[in-house]
């Protein structure tokens, strides 16, 4: 590799703002914008975190600022509850999980039986192991 490609590049604040404006207005992916401007992977993510959305700096419309802030709120993790769930809540969650697992298992069993039935009727092949087969 060339030594030039390993050096860290610095960009002006205006250039960073222009790239972010292009990203927000175009609706393109971060990957596409990074390739368009010749940036390293992850640069857009760092710049997006570093620069707060503001109408003054990025000269974005109010509508676009509202939409972007809503998108960021959806991505932010929700705070966890302060108190741990009670024993009864844990049991209810476990019952729900087990019911879902049972429903999935029953559906899977029904599908496998249907495959066996089709194999027997259409192809004349019985895939079930016969009971009492000698070893």
C-alpha atoms as a PDB file:
ATOM      1  CA  UNK A   1       0.000   0.000   0.000  1.00  0.00           C
ATOM      2  CA  UNK A   2       1.046   3.532  -0.547  1.00  0.00           C
ATOM      3  CA  UNK A   3       2.100   5.579   2.418  1.00  0.00           C
ATOM      4  CA  UNK A   4      -0.326   8.353   1.372  1.00  0.00           C
ATOM      5  CA  UNK A   5      -3.359   6.108   1.800  1.00  0.00           C
ATOM      6  CA  UNK A   6      -2.432   5.363   5.414  1.00  0.00           C
ATOM      7  CA  UNK A   7      -2.164   8.996   6.503  1.00  0.00           C
ATOM      8  CA  UNK A   8      -5.057  10.533   8.373  1.00  0.00           C
ATOM      9  CA  UNK A   9      -6.899  13.142   6.348  1.00  0.00           C
ATOM     10  CA  UNK A  10      -8.468  16.191   7.926  1.00  0.00           C
ATOM     11  CA  UNK A  11     -11.475  17.971   6.499  1.00  0.00           C
ATOM     12  CA  UNK A  12     -12.709  21.488   6.992  1.00  0.00           C
ATOM     13  CA  UNK A  13     -15.863  22.159   8.934  1.00  0.00           C
ATOM     14  CA  UNK A  14     -17.520  23.535   5.787  1.00  0.00           C
ATOM     15  CA  UNK A  15     -16.769  20.331   3.879  1.00  0.00           C
ATOM     16  CA  UNK A  16     -18.209  18.198   6.678  1.00  0.00           C
ATOM     17  CA  UNK A  17     -21.343  20.331   6.750  1.00  0.00           C
ATOM     18  CA  UNK A  18     -21.694  20.105   2.966  1.00  0.00           C
ATOM     19  CA  UNK A  19     -21.395  16.302   3.044  1.00  0.00           C
ATOM     20  CA  UNK A  20     -23.981  16.060   5.825  1.00  0.00           C
ATOM     21  CA  UNK A  21     -26.336  18.387   3.944  1.00  0.00           C
ATOM     22  CA  UNK A  22     -25.981  16.224   0.835  1.00  0.00           C
ATOM     23  CA  UNK A  23     -26.655  13.089   2.914  1.00  0.00           C
ATOM     24  CA  UNK A  24     -29.755  14.497   4.617  1.00  0.00           C
ATOM     25  CA  UNK A  25     -31.262  16.082   1.519  1.00  0.00           C
ATOM     26  CA  UNK A  26     -30.602  13.243  -0.914  1.00  0.00           C
ATOM     27  CA  UNK A  27     -31.855  10.432   1.305  1.00  0.00           C
ATOM     28  CA  UNK A  28     -28.974   8.259   0.072  1.00  0.00           C
ATOM     29  CA  UNK A  29     -27.221   5.738   2.251  1.00  0.00           C
ATOM     30  CA  UNK A  30     -24.135   6.607   4.285  1.00  0.00           C
ATOM     31  CA  UNK A  31     -22.167   4.071   2.258  1.00  0.00           C
ATOM     32  CA  UNK A  32     -23.119   5.789  -1.019  1.00  0.00           C
ATOM     33  CA  UNK A  33     -22.164   9.247   0.288  1.00  0.00           C
ATOM     34  CA  UNK A  34     -18.844   7.934   1.642  1.00  0.00           C
ATOM     35  CA  UNK A  35     -17.992   6.446  -1.746  1.00  0.00           C
ATOM     36  CA  UNK A  36     -19.144   9.606  -3.545  1.00  0.00           C
ATOM     37  CA  UNK A  37     -16.798  11.819  -1.524  1.00  0.00           C
ATOM     38  CA  UNK A  38     -14.008   9.242  -1.111  1.00  0.00           C
ATOM     39  CA  UNK A  39     -14.384   8.925   2.658  1.00  0.00           C
ATOM     40  CA  UNK A  40     -13.446   5.980   4.817  1.00  0.00           C
ATOM     41  CA  UNK A  41     -16.121   3.607   6.093  1.00  0.00           C
ATOM     42  CA  UNK A  42     -17.704   4.932   9.269  1.00  0.00           C
ATOM     43  CA  UNK A  43     -16.747   8.566   8.710  1.00  0.00           C
ATOM     44  CA  UNK A  44     -20.339   9.620   8.063  1.00  0.00           C
ATOM     45  CA  UNK A  45     -21.468   7.896  11.253  1.00  0.00           C
ATOM     46  CA  UNK A  46     -18.873   9.778  13.324  1.00  0.00           C
ATOM     47  CA  UNK A  47     -19.747  13.110  11.707  1.00  0.00           C
ATOM     48  CA  UNK A  48     -23.443  12.521  12.202  1.00  0.00           C
ATOM     49  CA  UNK A  49     -22.867  11.918  15.918  1.00  0.00           C
ATOM     50  CA  UNK A  50     -20.461  14.848  16.262  1.00  0.00           C
ATOM     51  CA  UNK A  51     -22.637  17.533  14.674  1.00  0.00           C
ATOM     52  CA  UNK A  52     -25.970  18.324  16.238  1.00  0.00           C
ATOM     53  CA  UNK A  53     -28.827  18.939  13.812  1.00  0.00           C
ATOM     54  CA  UNK A  54     -29.303  22.670  13.529  1.00  0.00           C
ATOM     55  CA  UNK A  55     -31.004  24.835  10.985  1.00  0.00           C
ATOM     56  CA  UNK A  56     -28.215  27.429  11.191  1.00  0.00           C
ATOM     57  CA  UNK A  57     -25.223  25.163  10.497  1.00  0.00           C
ATOM     58  CA  UNK A  58     -26.692  22.782   7.949  1.00  0.00           C
ATOM     59  CA  UNK A  59     -29.332  25.114   6.477  1.00  0.00           C
ATOM     60  CA  UNK A  60     -31.953  22.387   6.426  1.00  0.00           C
ATOM     61  CA  UNK A  61     -35.667  23.003   6.199  1.00  0.00           C
ATOM     62  CA  UNK A  62     -37.787  22.799   9.337  1.00  0.00           C
ATOM     63  CA  UNK A  63     -39.666  19.828   7.893  1.00  0.00           C
ATOM     64  CA  UNK A  64     -36.460  17.897   7.242  1.00  0.00           C
ATOM     65  CA  UNK A  65     -35.109  18.719  10.724  1.00  0.00           C
ATOM     66  CA  UNK A  66     -38.304  17.405  12.338  1.00  0.00           C
ATOM     67  CA  UNK A  67     -38.203  14.205  10.272  1.00  0.00           C
ATOM     68  CA  UNK A  68     -34.529  13.591  11.077  1.00  0.00           C
ATOM     69  CA  UNK A  69     -35.013  14.200  14.799  1.00  0.00           C
ATOM     70  CA  UNK A  70     -37.918  11.724  14.828  1.00  0.00           C
ATOM     71  CA  UNK A  71     -35.733   9.144  13.083  1.00  0.00           C
ATOM     72  CA  UNK A  72     -32.993   9.646  15.674  1.00  0.00           C
ATOM     73  CA  UNK A  73     -35.468   9.249  18.531  1.00  0.00           C
ATOM     74  CA  UNK A  74     -36.610   5.909  17.131  1.00  0.00           C
ATOM     75  CA  UNK A  75     -33.008   4.682  17.017  1.00  0.00           C
ATOM     76  CA  UNK A  76     -32.099   5.759  20.546  1.00  0.00           C
ATOM     77  CA  UNK A  77     -32.428   2.975  23.133  1.00  0.00           C
ATOM     78  CA  UNK A  78     -35.245   3.282  25.611  1.00  0.00           C
ATOM     79  CA  UNK A  79     -34.281   3.514  29.274  1.00  0.00           C
ATOM     80  CA  UNK A  80     -34.756   0.346  31.261  1.00  0.00           C
ATOM     81  CA  UNK A  81     -37.145   0.117  34.172  1.00  0.00           C
ATOM     82  CA  UNK A  82     -35.665   0.997  37.534  1.00  0.00           C
ATOM     83  CA  UNK A  83     -37.227  -1.872  39.455  1.00  0.00           C
ATOM     84  CA  UNK A  84     -36.766  -5.513  38.439  1.00  0.00           C
ATOM     85  CA  UNK A  85     -39.875  -7.458  37.428  1.00  0.00           C
ATOM     86  CA  UNK A  86     -41.716  -9.276  40.181  1.00  0.00           C
ATOM     87  CA  UNK A  87     -41.809 -13.052  40.445  1.00  0.00           C
ATOM     88  CA  UNK A  88     -45.347 -13.077  39.051  1.00  0.00           C
ATOM     89  CA  UNK A  89     -44.316 -10.992  36.032  1.00  0.00           C
ATOM     90  CA  UNK A  90     -41.376 -13.315  35.391  1.00  0.00           C
ATOM     91  CA  UNK A  91     -43.699 -16.322  35.509  1.00  0.00           C
ATOM     92  CA  UNK A  92     -46.185 -14.683  33.123  1.00  0.00           C
ATOM     93  CA  UNK A  93     -43.351 -13.904  30.685  1.00  0.00           C
ATOM     94  CA  UNK A  94     -42.122 -17.510  30.918  1.00  0.00           C
ATOM     95  CA  UNK A  95     -45.655 -18.854  30.301  1.00  0.00           C
ATOM     96  CA  UNK A  96     -46.001 -16.629  27.245  1.00  0.00           C
ATOM     97  CA  UNK A  97     -42.616 -17.774  25.895  1.00  0.00           C
ATOM     98  CA  UNK A  98     -43.494 -21.445  26.434  1.00  0.00           C
ATOM     99  CA  UNK A  99     -46.886 -21.032  24.747  1.00  0.00           C
ATOM    100  CA  UNK A 100     -45.220 -19.486  21.716  1.00  0.00           C
ATOM    101  CA  UNK A 101     -42.669 -22.312  21.603  1.00  0.00           C
ATOM    102  CA  UNK A 102     -45.450 -24.901  21.819  1.00  0.00           C
ATOM    103  CA  UNK A 103     -47.413 -23.208  19.039  1.00  0.00           C
ATOM    104  CA  UNK A 104     -44.301 -23.172  16.839  1.00  0.00           C
ATOM    105  CA  UNK A 105     -43.595 -26.858  17.564  1.00  0.00           C
ATOM    106  CA  UNK A 106     -47.168 -27.868  16.759  1.00  0.00           C
ATOM    107  CA  UNK A 107     -47.061 -25.936  13.492  1.00  0.00           C
ATOM    108  CA  UNK A 108     -43.718 -27.520  12.580  1.00  0.00           C
ATOM    109  CA  UNK A 109     -45.041 -30.998  13.383  1.00  0.00           C
ATOM    110  CA  UNK A 110     -48.115 -30.399  11.222  1.00  0.00           C
ATOM    111  CA  UNK A 111     -45.915 -29.262   8.318  1.00  0.00           C
ATOM    112  CA  UNK A 112     -43.679 -32.333   8.601  1.00  0.00           C
ATOM    113  CA  UNK A 113     -46.717 -34.634   8.652  1.00  0.00           C
ATOM    114  CA  UNK A 114     -47.980 -32.923   5.496  1.00  0.00           C
ATOM    115  CA  UNK A 115     -44.617 -33.536   3.788  1.00  0.00           C
ATOM    116  CA  UNK A 116     -44.781 -37.209   4.751  1.00  0.00           C
ATOM    117  CA  UNK A 117     -48.337 -37.431   3.411  1.00  0.00           C
ATOM    118  CA  UNK A 118     -47.361 -35.848   0.082  1.00  0.00           C
ATOM    119  CA  UNK A 119     -44.373 -38.170  -0.232  1.00  0.00           C
ATOM    120  CA  UNK A 120     -46.551 -41.199   0.415  1.00  0.00           C
ATOM    121  CA  UNK A 121     -49.417 -40.167  -1.932  1.00  0.00           C
ATOM    122  CA  UNK A 122     -47.536 -38.660  -4.880  1.00  0.00           C
ATOM    123  CA  UNK A 123     -44.253 -40.544  -4.864  1.00  0.00           C
ATOM    124  CA  UNK A 124     -45.191 -43.777  -3.170  1.00  0.00           C
ATOM    125  CA  UNK A 125     -42.363 -43.413  -0.669  1.00  0.00           C
ATOM    126  CA  UNK A 126     -43.022 -44.089   2.995  1.00  0.00           C
ATOM    127  CA  UNK A 127     -40.469 -42.117   4.985  1.00  0.00           C
ATOM    128  CA  UNK A 128     -41.605 -43.205   8.429  1.00  0.00           C
ATOM    129  CA  UNK A 129     -39.532 -45.812  10.195  1.00  0.00           C
ATOM    130  CA  UNK A 130     -41.510 -48.975  10.664  1.00  0.00           C
ATOM    131  CA  UNK A 131     -42.123 -50.008  14.219  1.00  0.00           C
ATOM    132  CA  UNK A 132     -40.493 -53.291  15.180  1.00  0.00           C
ATOM    133  CA  UNK A 133     -37.868 -53.192  12.423  1.00  0.00           C
ATOM    134  CA  UNK A 134     -35.038 -55.577  13.144  1.00  0.00           C
ATOM    135  CA  UNK A 135     -31.576 -54.209  13.572  1.00  0.00           C
END
